[in-house]
């Protein structure tokens, strides 16, 4: 992994990747993800969880012009509002890897993109990619995909039995302090590692399922703000602006390898004092509503 300086990133307007990304997007069509079954064997898969990112923070950052790269890939320049199946990282990801992604915020039932087969499911249809396995990670592996986990928060750190549960689903998993919540360069390091694996460690004709748990939005996200000592909605917005600056490199370089199914969403939000609540693992609106996007490029 390339070394990164431990400094707060530069302003987005100074980012040389910005114009390259807009040029890249002008040469590639972004389409809705509606029939994943038809794309298997030809498309790689990228799933990103923006750990602890609140829906309102994501929308406010867009409105403030802090996330121009996300704005370029969001339909209607807006995140989709969804409800998470879990109110903290572990429970949410157990659901995601079983095929229960965040649910649209409208009356259902809503057909799922991916599912682990079980009788009685009311949220699969002819377009759902149903796996004969207990989780979708193993399901993709059964279809010939190499599965990679790049962890961020503690539930992916592999330092104890609990921290091994989620990474153990994957053929290859990575975590160290440079990818964690305490690193000011975590996203740059995570995305650089993903690109390095995709371009140098996996055969070009091998399909790839890459999962990244982005740690920068989780506490302490105040490390991405000058002179801040505690987390607030504003510091999470600034952490998201930092993540936004690195999205162009990741998407453009992974798309260079193969056509790409992309899913980006939060696993849960977090409270910053609303109704007296702080943190997550509570059933509060700030925790249960999350931003979501999926597309094919």
Protein backbone atom coordinates (compact mmCIF):
# COMPACT_ATOMS: atom_id res chain seq x y z
CA UNK A 1 0.00 0.00 0.00
CA UNK A 2 1.38 3.44 -0.86
CA UNK A 3 2.28 5.63 2.08
CA UNK A 4 0.04 8.60 2.76
CA UNK A 5 0.87 11.81 4.57
CA UNK A 6 -1.11 12.28 7.78
CA UNK A 7 -2.67 15.61 6.88
CA UNK A 8 -6.19 16.92 6.40
CA UNK A 9 -6.93 16.74 2.64
CA UNK A 10 -6.90 19.75 0.36
CA UNK A 11 -10.03 21.58 -0.77
CA UNK A 12 -12.05 19.72 -3.41
CA UNK A 13 -11.67 22.60 -5.86
CA UNK A 14 -7.92 21.97 -5.90
CA UNK A 15 -8.25 18.26 -6.68
CA UNK A 16 -6.66 17.38 -10.04
CA UNK A 17 -8.80 14.21 -10.26
CA UNK A 18 -11.99 16.27 -10.57
CA UNK A 19 -11.80 17.18 -14.26
CA UNK A 20 -10.46 13.73 -15.13
CA UNK A 21 -13.53 12.23 -13.49
CA UNK A 22 -15.93 14.44 -15.41
CA UNK A 23 -14.19 13.46 -18.62
CA UNK A 24 -14.42 9.81 -17.60
CA UNK A 25 -18.16 10.13 -16.96
CA UNK A 26 -18.70 11.80 -20.32
CA UNK A 27 -17.43 8.62 -21.99
CA UNK A 28 -19.40 6.14 -19.86
CA UNK A 29 -23.12 5.68 -19.44
CA UNK A 30 -24.50 5.37 -15.91
CA UNK A 31 -27.57 3.13 -15.93
CA UNK A 32 -29.97 2.01 -13.18
CA UNK A 33 -29.31 -1.41 -11.71
CA UNK A 34 -32.53 -3.32 -12.39
CA UNK A 35 -31.62 -6.81 -13.61
CA UNK A 36 -28.38 -7.99 -11.95
CA UNK A 37 -28.96 -11.57 -13.12
CA UNK A 38 -28.23 -10.46 -16.69
CA UNK A 39 -24.88 -8.91 -15.75
CA UNK A 40 -23.19 -11.81 -13.97
CA UNK A 41 -20.04 -13.12 -15.64
CA UNK A 42 -19.48 -9.84 -17.49
CA UNK A 43 -19.50 -7.24 -14.68
CA UNK A 44 -17.45 -6.78 -11.53
CA UNK A 45 -19.29 -5.75 -8.36
CA UNK A 46 -18.34 -2.92 -6.00
CA UNK A 47 -20.25 -2.57 -2.72
CA UNK A 48 -19.35 0.35 -0.44
CA UNK A 49 -20.83 1.01 2.99
CA UNK A 50 -20.32 4.56 4.23
CA UNK A 51 -20.27 3.62 7.89
CA UNK A 52 -22.52 5.73 10.15
CA UNK A 53 -23.38 8.32 7.47
CA UNK A 54 -26.70 10.04 8.13
CA UNK A 55 -29.13 10.66 5.28
CA UNK A 56 -29.62 14.32 6.18
CA UNK A 57 -25.88 14.88 6.37
CA UNK A 58 -25.41 13.38 2.89
CA UNK A 59 -28.16 15.61 1.49
CA UNK A 60 -26.87 18.73 3.26
CA UNK A 61 -23.37 18.11 1.93
CA UNK A 62 -24.78 17.93 -1.60
CA UNK A 63 -26.73 21.15 -1.15
CA UNK A 64 -23.60 22.90 0.16
CA UNK A 65 -21.56 21.79 -2.87
CA UNK A 66 -19.21 19.75 -0.71
CA UNK A 67 -19.60 16.46 -2.63
CA UNK A 68 -19.46 17.30 -6.35
CA UNK A 69 -18.27 13.86 -7.40
CA UNK A 70 -21.15 12.11 -5.69
CA UNK A 71 -23.45 14.70 -7.24
CA UNK A 72 -22.24 13.70 -10.70
CA UNK A 73 -23.26 10.06 -10.20
CA UNK A 74 -26.48 10.53 -8.23
CA UNK A 75 -29.70 10.43 -10.29
CA UNK A 76 -31.38 13.80 -9.95
CA UNK A 77 -28.40 14.94 -7.86
CA UNK A 78 -30.00 13.44 -4.77
CA UNK A 79 -29.41 10.44 -2.55
CA UNK A 80 -32.26 7.96 -2.28
CA UNK A 81 -33.77 7.79 1.19
CA UNK A 82 -33.87 4.22 2.53
CA UNK A 83 -34.35 2.43 5.82
CA UNK A 84 -31.56 0.26 7.22
CA UNK A 85 -32.19 -3.29 8.47
CA UNK A 86 -29.80 -2.75 11.40
CA UNK A 87 -29.03 0.10 13.79
CA UNK A 88 -25.31 -0.63 14.14
CA UNK A 89 -22.53 -2.00 11.94
CA UNK A 90 -22.62 -5.68 12.84
CA UNK A 91 -26.36 -6.23 12.57
CA UNK A 92 -26.67 -4.15 9.41
CA UNK A 93 -23.89 -5.98 7.58
CA UNK A 94 -25.20 -9.39 8.58
CA UNK A 95 -28.43 -8.37 6.85
CA UNK A 96 -26.66 -6.89 3.81
CA UNK A 97 -24.60 -10.01 3.23
CA UNK A 98 -27.78 -12.09 3.44
CA UNK A 99 -29.22 -9.96 0.63
CA UNK A 100 -31.26 -7.52 2.71
CA UNK A 101 -29.94 -4.15 1.55
CA UNK A 102 -31.50 -0.92 2.85
CA UNK A 103 -35.23 -0.86 2.03
CA UNK A 104 -36.89 1.90 -0.03
CA UNK A 105 -38.75 4.38 2.16
CA UNK A 106 -42.18 3.63 0.74
CA UNK A 107 -44.81 0.92 1.19
CA UNK A 108 -43.69 -2.43 -0.24
CA UNK A 109 -43.07 -5.19 -0.78
CA UNK A 110 -39.89 -4.25 -2.63
CA UNK A 111 -38.11 -6.89 -4.71
CA UNK A 112 -34.48 -7.30 -3.71
CA UNK A 113 -31.49 -7.22 -6.06
CA UNK A 114 -29.76 -10.20 -4.39
CA UNK A 115 -31.02 -12.90 -2.07
CA UNK A 116 -29.95 -16.05 -0.30
CA UNK A 117 -32.52 -18.69 -1.14
CA UNK A 118 -35.12 -19.57 1.49
CA UNK A 119 -38.73 -20.63 1.24
CA UNK A 120 -41.45 -18.09 1.85
CA UNK A 121 -39.55 -15.01 0.70
CA UNK A 122 -41.94 -12.29 -0.43
CA UNK A 123 -39.27 -9.89 -1.68
CA UNK A 124 -37.77 -11.80 -4.62
CA UNK A 125 -38.97 -11.77 -8.22
CA UNK A 126 -37.80 -12.88 -11.66
CA UNK A 127 -35.06 -10.23 -11.69
CA UNK A 128 -33.61 -11.04 -8.25
CA UNK A 129 -30.27 -12.83 -8.29
CA UNK A 130 -30.97 -15.71 -5.88
CA UNK A 131 -28.03 -17.71 -4.52
CA UNK A 132 -28.02 -21.30 -3.28
CA UNK A 133 -25.99 -20.21 -0.26
CA UNK A 134 -26.46 -18.63 3.15
CA UNK A 135 -24.96 -15.29 2.07
CA UNK A 136 -24.45 -13.36 -1.13
CA UNK A 137 -20.66 -13.24 -0.74
CA UNK A 138 -20.43 -17.01 -0.95
CA UNK A 139 -23.02 -16.82 -3.70
CA UNK A 140 -20.84 -14.59 -5.85
CA UNK A 141 -17.89 -16.88 -5.15
CA UNK A 142 -19.91 -19.84 -6.41
CA UNK A 143 -20.35 -17.98 -9.69
CA UNK A 144 -16.60 -17.59 -10.10
CA UNK A 145 -16.08 -14.20 -8.46
CA UNK A 146 -13.02 -13.50 -6.33
CA UNK A 147 -14.37 -11.86 -3.18
CA UNK A 148 -12.42 -9.12 -1.36
CA UNK A 149 -13.19 -7.32 1.89
CA UNK A 150 -11.43 -4.07 2.79
CA UNK A 151 -12.45 -3.34 6.35
CA UNK A 152 -12.70 -0.07 8.22
CA UNK A 153 -14.40 -0.10 11.61
CA UNK A 154 -13.70 -2.53 14.43
CA UNK A 155 -16.11 -5.26 13.32
CA UNK A 156 -13.70 -5.92 10.43
CA UNK A 157 -10.40 -5.73 12.31
CA UNK A 158 -9.77 -9.52 12.65
CA UNK A 159 -8.18 -8.91 16.06
CA UNK A 160 -10.65 -11.08 17.96
CA UNK A 161 -13.28 -13.74 17.12
CA UNK A 162 -16.07 -11.18 16.67
CA UNK A 163 -13.89 -9.05 14.40
CA UNK A 164 -13.35 -12.10 12.18
CA UNK A 165 -17.00 -13.01 11.54
CA UNK A 166 -17.71 -10.62 8.66
CA UNK A 167 -14.25 -10.76 7.00
CA UNK A 168 -14.34 -14.58 7.07
CA UNK A 169 -17.11 -14.55 4.46
CA UNK A 170 -14.57 -13.38 1.88
CA UNK A 171 -11.76 -15.18 0.08
CA UNK A 172 -9.47 -12.23 0.82
CA UNK A 173 -9.79 -9.66 3.60
CA UNK A 174 -7.71 -6.70 4.76
CA UNK A 175 -7.59 -4.44 7.80
CA UNK A 176 -4.91 -2.42 9.56
CA UNK A 177 -4.70 0.89 11.41
CA UNK A 178 -4.20 2.84 8.19
CA UNK A 179 -7.70 1.79 7.08
CA UNK A 180 -9.36 2.44 10.42
CA UNK A 181 -11.42 5.16 12.06
CA UNK A 182 -8.32 6.81 13.55
CA UNK A 183 -6.53 7.43 10.24
CA UNK A 184 -6.96 10.77 8.50
CA UNK A 185 -6.04 8.99 5.26
CA UNK A 186 -8.26 5.95 5.68
CA UNK A 187 -10.35 6.35 2.52
CA UNK A 188 -7.37 7.10 0.31
CA UNK A 189 -5.67 4.00 1.69
CA UNK A 190 -8.76 1.81 1.34
CA UNK A 191 -9.46 2.85 -2.24
CA UNK A 192 -5.79 2.57 -3.27
CA UNK A 193 -5.69 -0.94 -1.86
CA UNK A 194 -8.86 -1.90 -3.75
CA UNK A 195 -7.41 -0.63 -7.03
CA UNK A 196 -4.09 -2.38 -6.41
CA UNK A 197 -5.83 -5.72 -5.78
CA UNK A 198 -8.07 -5.33 -8.81
CA UNK A 199 -5.27 -4.41 -11.20
CA UNK A 200 -2.38 -6.51 -9.93
CA UNK A 201 -3.59 -9.42 -7.79
CA UNK A 202 -6.54 -10.84 -9.72
CA UNK A 203 -6.42 -12.26 -13.24
CA UNK A 204 -8.00 -9.93 -15.78
CA UNK A 205 -10.56 -12.53 -16.84
CA UNK A 206 -11.60 -13.29 -13.25
CA UNK A 207 -14.70 -11.47 -12.07
CA UNK A 208 -14.31 -9.51 -8.84
CA UNK A 209 -16.63 -8.70 -5.92
CA UNK A 210 -15.07 -5.89 -3.87
CA UNK A 211 -16.57 -4.76 -0.59
CA UNK A 212 -15.26 -1.65 1.21
CA UNK A 213 -16.40 -0.49 4.64
CA UNK A 214 -15.49 3.22 4.58
CA UNK A 215 -14.50 4.21 8.11
CA UNK A 216 -14.09 7.99 7.74
CA UNK A 217 -17.71 8.89 8.57
CA UNK A 218 -17.71 6.92 11.83
CA UNK A 219 -16.57 8.56 15.03
CA UNK A 220 -14.12 10.20 15.44
CA UNK A 221 -14.94 12.01 12.18
CA UNK A 222 -13.85 15.30 13.78
CA UNK A 223 -10.31 14.40 12.66
CA UNK A 224 -11.27 15.65 9.18
CA UNK A 225 -12.13 19.13 10.46
CA UNK A 226 -9.67 21.83 11.41
CA UNK A 227 -9.59 22.49 15.17
CA UNK A 228 -12.64 20.28 15.91
CA UNK A 229 -12.50 18.11 19.02
CA UNK A 230 -15.92 16.44 18.94
CA UNK A 231 -18.18 14.94 16.29
CA UNK A 232 -21.14 16.91 14.91
CA UNK A 233 -23.21 16.95 11.73
CA UNK A 234 -20.72 19.48 10.35
CA UNK A 235 -17.69 17.29 11.00
CA UNK A 236 -19.43 14.34 9.35
CA UNK A 237 -20.17 16.54 6.33
CA UNK A 238 -16.49 17.43 6.11
CA UNK A 239 -15.52 13.78 6.44
CA UNK A 240 -17.90 12.98 3.56
CA UNK A 241 -16.29 15.75 1.50
CA UNK A 242 -12.97 13.99 2.09
CA UNK A 243 -14.42 10.67 0.89
CA UNK A 244 -15.90 12.41 -2.16
CA UNK A 245 -12.45 13.53 -3.29
CA UNK A 246 -11.33 9.91 -3.62
CA UNK A 247 -14.39 8.46 -5.39
CA UNK A 248 -13.14 9.46 -8.89
CA UNK A 249 -9.95 7.42 -8.62
CA UNK A 250 -11.76 4.33 -7.36
CA UNK A 251 -14.59 4.28 -9.88
CA UNK A 252 -12.55 5.18 -12.94
CA UNK A 253 -9.80 2.65 -12.26
CA UNK A 254 -12.10 -0.21 -11.35
CA UNK A 255 -14.25 0.54 -14.42
CA UNK A 256 -11.10 0.37 -16.54
CA UNK A 257 -10.79 -3.28 -15.50
CA UNK A 258 -14.37 -4.31 -16.35
CA UNK A 259 -17.95 -3.03 -16.52
CA UNK A 260 -19.08 -2.38 -12.97
CA UNK A 261 -22.14 -2.88 -10.77
CA UNK A 262 -21.91 -0.25 -8.02
CA UNK A 263 -23.80 -0.08 -4.72
CA UNK A 264 -23.02 2.74 -2.27
CA UNK A 265 -25.00 3.23 0.92
CA UNK A 266 -24.77 3.79 4.64
CA UNK A 267 -25.23 0.96 7.10
CA UNK A 268 -26.85 3.21 9.72
CA UNK A 269 -26.83 6.83 10.83
CA UNK A 270 -25.84 8.29 14.16
CA UNK A 271 -27.39 10.78 16.57
CA UNK A 272 -25.69 14.03 17.54
CA UNK A 273 -27.90 15.03 20.44
CA UNK A 274 -31.33 14.87 18.79
CA UNK A 275 -33.97 14.15 21.45
CA UNK A 276 -31.11 13.62 23.87
CA UNK A 277 -29.59 10.71 21.94
CA UNK A 278 -25.95 10.38 20.96
CA UNK A 279 -24.50 7.59 18.81
CA UNK A 280 -26.26 4.60 17.28
CA UNK A 281 -27.59 1.14 18.23
CA UNK A 282 -30.87 2.94 18.93
CA UNK A 283 -34.06 3.08 16.87
CA UNK A 284 -34.06 6.79 16.17
CA UNK A 285 -34.81 8.37 12.78
CA UNK A 286 -31.28 9.75 12.53
CA UNK A 287 -29.99 6.18 12.83
CA UNK A 288 -32.57 4.26 10.79
CA UNK A 289 -32.69 6.44 7.65
CA UNK A 290 -29.73 6.13 5.29
CA UNK A 291 -28.56 7.39 1.89
CA UNK A 292 -28.43 4.88 -0.97
CA UNK A 293 -27.46 4.62 -4.63
CA UNK A 294 -26.92 1.76 -7.07
CA UNK A 295 -26.03 1.86 -10.74
CA UNK A 296 -24.16 0.18 -13.58
CA UNK A 297 -21.29 1.86 -15.39
